[in-house]
Amino acid sequence: MGKSCATLRSGNPSSLQKNGHGRYAVLDMEKYREYEKMKAMNWLLGELDKGRVSGEQEGWLDAGEVFADLEARYHG
């Protein structure tokens, strides 16, 4: 493995293989942070879409109902 690590270059993702198949990805921390940010953004957009669909199917709540529910849950 030491020989392959010497060929790693910053900014270029690399992979480590096990039994001839990709097993691990090696990337610099900046690219990893970008990946984590993208993953979080995709999750958030998915949750927002669930809320939109729920509002369209079951009806929307007004702001007073939302704040009353949050108050009861977290300060009740």
N, C-alpha and C. Protein backbone atom coordinates (compact mmCIF):
# COMPACT_ATOMS: atom_id res chain seq x y z
N MET A 1 0.82 -1.19 0.00
CA MET A 1 0.00 0.00 0.00
C MET A 1 0.87 1.25 0.00
N GLY A 2 2.04 1.22 0.61
CA GLY A 2 2.91 2.38 0.65
C GLY A 2 3.25 2.90 -0.74
N LYS A 3 3.43 1.99 -1.67
CA LYS A 3 3.74 2.38 -3.04
C LYS A 3 2.59 3.14 -3.68
N SER A 4 1.35 2.70 -3.48
CA SER A 4 0.21 3.39 -4.06
C SER A 4 -0.04 4.73 -3.39
N CYS A 5 0.24 4.88 -2.11
CA CYS A 5 0.03 6.15 -1.42
C CYS A 5 0.97 7.23 -1.95
N ALA A 6 2.12 6.82 -2.44
CA ALA A 6 3.07 7.80 -2.97
C ALA A 6 2.55 8.45 -4.24
N THR A 7 1.59 7.83 -4.91
CA THR A 7 1.06 8.38 -6.17
C THR A 7 -0.17 9.25 -5.96
N LEU A 8 -0.64 9.40 -4.73
CA LEU A 8 -1.81 10.25 -4.46
C LEU A 8 -1.45 11.71 -4.72
N ARG A 9 -2.39 12.43 -5.32
CA ARG A 9 -2.19 13.85 -5.58
C ARG A 9 -3.37 14.63 -5.03
N SER A 10 -3.09 15.78 -4.44
CA SER A 10 -4.13 16.62 -3.88
C SER A 10 -5.15 17.01 -4.95
N GLY A 11 -6.42 16.94 -4.59
CA GLY A 11 -7.48 17.32 -5.51
C GLY A 11 -7.98 16.20 -6.39
N ASN A 12 -7.28 15.07 -6.40
CA ASN A 12 -7.69 13.94 -7.22
C ASN A 12 -8.11 12.79 -6.31
N PRO A 13 -9.39 12.43 -6.34
CA PRO A 13 -9.80 11.29 -5.51
C PRO A 13 -9.16 10.00 -6.00
N SER A 14 -8.88 9.12 -5.09
CA SER A 14 -8.30 7.82 -5.42
C SER A 14 -9.11 6.76 -4.70
N SER A 15 -8.93 5.53 -5.11
CA SER A 15 -9.64 4.45 -4.44
C SER A 15 -8.66 3.34 -4.09
N LEU A 16 -8.98 2.63 -3.03
CA LEU A 16 -8.22 1.46 -2.62
C LEU A 16 -9.10 0.26 -2.92
N GLN A 17 -8.48 -0.79 -3.40
CA GLN A 17 -9.24 -1.96 -3.81
C GLN A 17 -9.01 -3.13 -2.89
N LYS A 18 -10.01 -3.98 -2.85
CA LYS A 18 -9.90 -5.24 -2.11
C LYS A 18 -10.44 -6.32 -3.05
N ASN A 19 -9.62 -7.30 -3.31
CA ASN A 19 -9.99 -8.39 -4.24
C ASN A 19 -10.38 -7.85 -5.62
N GLY A 20 -9.70 -6.81 -6.07
CA GLY A 20 -9.93 -6.26 -7.40
C GLY A 20 -11.14 -5.36 -7.53
N HIS A 21 -11.81 -5.05 -6.43
CA HIS A 21 -12.99 -4.19 -6.46
C HIS A 21 -12.76 -2.97 -5.57
N GLY A 22 -13.26 -1.82 -6.00
CA GLY A 22 -13.13 -0.61 -5.20
C GLY A 22 -13.73 -0.81 -3.82
N ARG A 23 -12.99 -0.45 -2.79
CA ARG A 23 -13.44 -0.66 -1.42
C ARG A 23 -13.48 0.65 -0.63
N TYR A 24 -12.50 1.51 -0.81
CA TYR A 24 -12.40 2.76 -0.05
C TYR A 24 -12.08 3.90 -1.00
N ALA A 25 -12.58 5.08 -0.67
CA ALA A 25 -12.24 6.29 -1.43
C ALA A 25 -11.33 7.15 -0.57
N VAL A 26 -10.33 7.71 -1.20
CA VAL A 26 -9.41 8.61 -0.52
C VAL A 26 -9.51 9.96 -1.21
N LEU A 27 -9.89 10.99 -0.46
CA LEU A 27 -9.97 12.32 -1.05
C LEU A 27 -9.52 13.34 -0.02
N ASP A 28 -9.14 14.53 -0.51
CA ASP A 28 -8.64 15.53 0.43
C ASP A 28 -9.81 16.09 1.25
N MET A 29 -9.49 16.70 2.38
CA MET A 29 -10.52 17.15 3.32
C MET A 29 -11.44 18.20 2.71
N GLU A 30 -10.93 19.05 1.84
CA GLU A 30 -11.79 20.05 1.22
C GLU A 30 -12.88 19.38 0.39
N LYS A 31 -12.51 18.40 -0.40
CA LYS A 31 -13.49 17.66 -1.20
C LYS A 31 -14.44 16.89 -0.30
N TYR A 32 -13.95 16.36 0.81
CA TYR A 32 -14.81 15.64 1.75
C TYR A 32 -15.84 16.58 2.35
N ARG A 33 -15.41 17.79 2.75
CA ARG A 33 -16.35 18.78 3.29
C ARG A 33 -17.40 19.16 2.26
N GLU A 34 -16.98 19.32 1.00
CA GLU A 34 -17.94 19.61 -0.07
C GLU A 34 -18.95 18.48 -0.21
N TYR A 35 -18.48 17.25 -0.13
CA TYR A 35 -19.35 16.08 -0.22
C TYR A 35 -20.35 16.07 0.93
N GLU A 36 -19.87 16.30 2.15
CA GLU A 36 -20.75 16.31 3.32
C GLU A 36 -21.79 17.42 3.21
N LYS A 37 -21.38 18.59 2.72
CA LYS A 37 -22.32 19.70 2.55
C LYS A 37 -23.39 19.34 1.51
N MET A 38 -22.97 18.73 0.41
CA MET A 38 -23.91 18.32 -0.63
C MET A 38 -24.89 17.27 -0.10
N LYS A 39 -24.37 16.33 0.69
CA LYS A 39 -25.21 15.29 1.27
C LYS A 39 -26.25 15.90 2.22
N ALA A 40 -25.84 16.85 3.04
CA ALA A 40 -26.76 17.52 3.95
C ALA A 40 -27.81 18.33 3.19
N MET A 41 -27.38 18.99 2.13
CA MET A 41 -28.31 19.78 1.33
C MET A 41 -29.35 18.88 0.66
N ASN A 42 -28.91 17.74 0.14
CA ASN A 42 -29.85 16.79 -0.47
C ASN A 42 -30.85 16.27 0.55
N TRP A 43 -30.40 15.99 1.77
CA TRP A 43 -31.30 15.53 2.83
C TRP A 43 -32.32 16.62 3.14
N LEU A 44 -31.85 17.86 3.31
CA LEU A 44 -32.75 18.96 3.64
C LEU A 44 -33.78 19.18 2.54
N LEU A 45 -33.35 19.17 1.29
CA LEU A 45 -34.29 19.34 0.18
C LEU A 45 -35.33 18.22 0.16
N GLY A 46 -34.92 17.01 0.49
CA GLY A 46 -35.86 15.89 0.57
C GLY A 46 -36.89 16.11 1.67
N GLU A 47 -36.44 16.58 2.84
CA GLU A 47 -37.36 16.85 3.95
C GLU A 47 -38.32 17.98 3.60
N LEU A 48 -37.82 19.02 2.95
CA LEU A 48 -38.68 20.13 2.54
C LEU A 48 -39.72 19.65 1.53
N ASP A 49 -39.32 18.77 0.63
CA ASP A 49 -40.26 18.24 -0.35
C ASP A 49 -41.34 17.40 0.32
N LYS A 50 -40.96 16.62 1.34
CA LYS A 50 -41.96 15.86 2.09
C LYS A 50 -42.98 16.80 2.72
N GLY A 51 -42.51 17.91 3.27
CA GLY A 51 -43.41 18.89 3.87
C GLY A 51 -44.34 19.51 2.85
N ARG A 52 -43.79 19.81 1.69
CA ARG A 52 -44.61 20.39 0.62
C ARG A 52 -45.71 19.42 0.20
N VAL A 53 -45.34 18.17 -0.01
CA VAL A 53 -46.31 17.15 -0.41
C VAL A 53 -47.37 16.98 0.67
N SER A 54 -46.95 16.93 1.92
CA SER A 54 -47.88 16.80 3.03
C SER A 54 -48.85 17.97 3.07
N GLY A 55 -48.34 19.17 2.89
CA GLY A 55 -49.20 20.36 2.89
C GLY A 55 -50.20 20.33 1.76
N GLU A 56 -49.77 19.88 0.61
CA GLU A 56 -50.69 19.81 -0.54
C GLU A 56 -51.75 18.73 -0.36
N GLN A 57 -51.38 17.62 0.28
CA GLN A 57 -52.32 16.51 0.43
C GLN A 57 -53.22 16.65 1.65
N GLU A 58 -52.66 17.13 2.75
CA GLU A 58 -53.39 17.17 4.01
C GLU A 58 -53.79 18.57 4.45
N GLY A 59 -53.38 19.57 3.72
CA GLY A 59 -53.69 20.94 4.08
C GLY A 59 -52.55 21.60 4.84
N TRP A 60 -52.46 22.88 4.68
CA TRP A 60 -51.38 23.66 5.29
C TRP A 60 -51.76 24.12 6.68
N LEU A 61 -50.77 24.29 7.54
CA LEU A 61 -50.97 24.85 8.87
C LEU A 61 -50.62 26.33 8.82
N ASP A 62 -51.33 27.12 9.62
CA ASP A 62 -50.92 28.52 9.68
C ASP A 62 -49.80 28.67 10.71
N ALA A 63 -49.13 29.79 10.67
CA ALA A 63 -47.94 30.00 11.51
C ALA A 63 -48.27 29.86 12.99
N GLY A 64 -49.43 30.32 13.42
CA GLY A 64 -49.82 30.20 14.83
C GLY A 64 -49.89 28.76 15.29
N GLU A 65 -50.43 27.88 14.45
CA GLU A 65 -50.50 26.46 14.78
C GLU A 65 -49.11 25.85 14.89
N VAL A 66 -48.24 26.22 13.97
CA VAL A 66 -46.88 25.69 13.97
C VAL A 66 -46.14 26.11 15.24
N PHE A 67 -46.21 27.41 15.59
CA PHE A 67 -45.51 27.89 16.78
C PHE A 67 -46.10 27.31 18.05
N ALA A 68 -47.42 27.14 18.10
CA ALA A 68 -48.04 26.52 19.28
C ALA A 68 -47.57 25.08 19.44
N ASP A 69 -47.48 24.34 18.34
CA ASP A 69 -47.00 22.97 18.40
C ASP A 69 -45.55 22.90 18.86
N LEU A 70 -44.70 23.77 18.32
CA LEU A 70 -43.30 23.78 18.73
C LEU A 70 -43.16 24.16 20.21
N GLU A 71 -43.93 25.13 20.63
CA GLU A 71 -43.89 25.55 22.05
C GLU A 71 -44.28 24.39 22.95
N ALA A 72 -45.35 23.67 22.59
CA ALA A 72 -45.80 22.54 23.40
C ALA A 72 -44.77 21.42 23.43
N ARG A 73 -44.12 21.16 22.30
CA ARG A 73 -43.14 20.08 22.23
C ARG A 73 -41.88 20.36 23.03
N TYR A 74 -41.38 21.59 22.92
CA TYR A 74 -40.05 21.87 23.45
C TYR A 74 -40.04 22.69 24.73
N HIS A 75 -41.17 23.29 25.06
CA HIS A 75 -41.21 24.09 26.30
C HIS A 75 -42.41 23.74 27.16
N GLY A 76 -43.12 22.68 26.77
CA GLY A 76 -44.37 22.31 27.42
C GLY A 76 -44.17 21.69 28.73
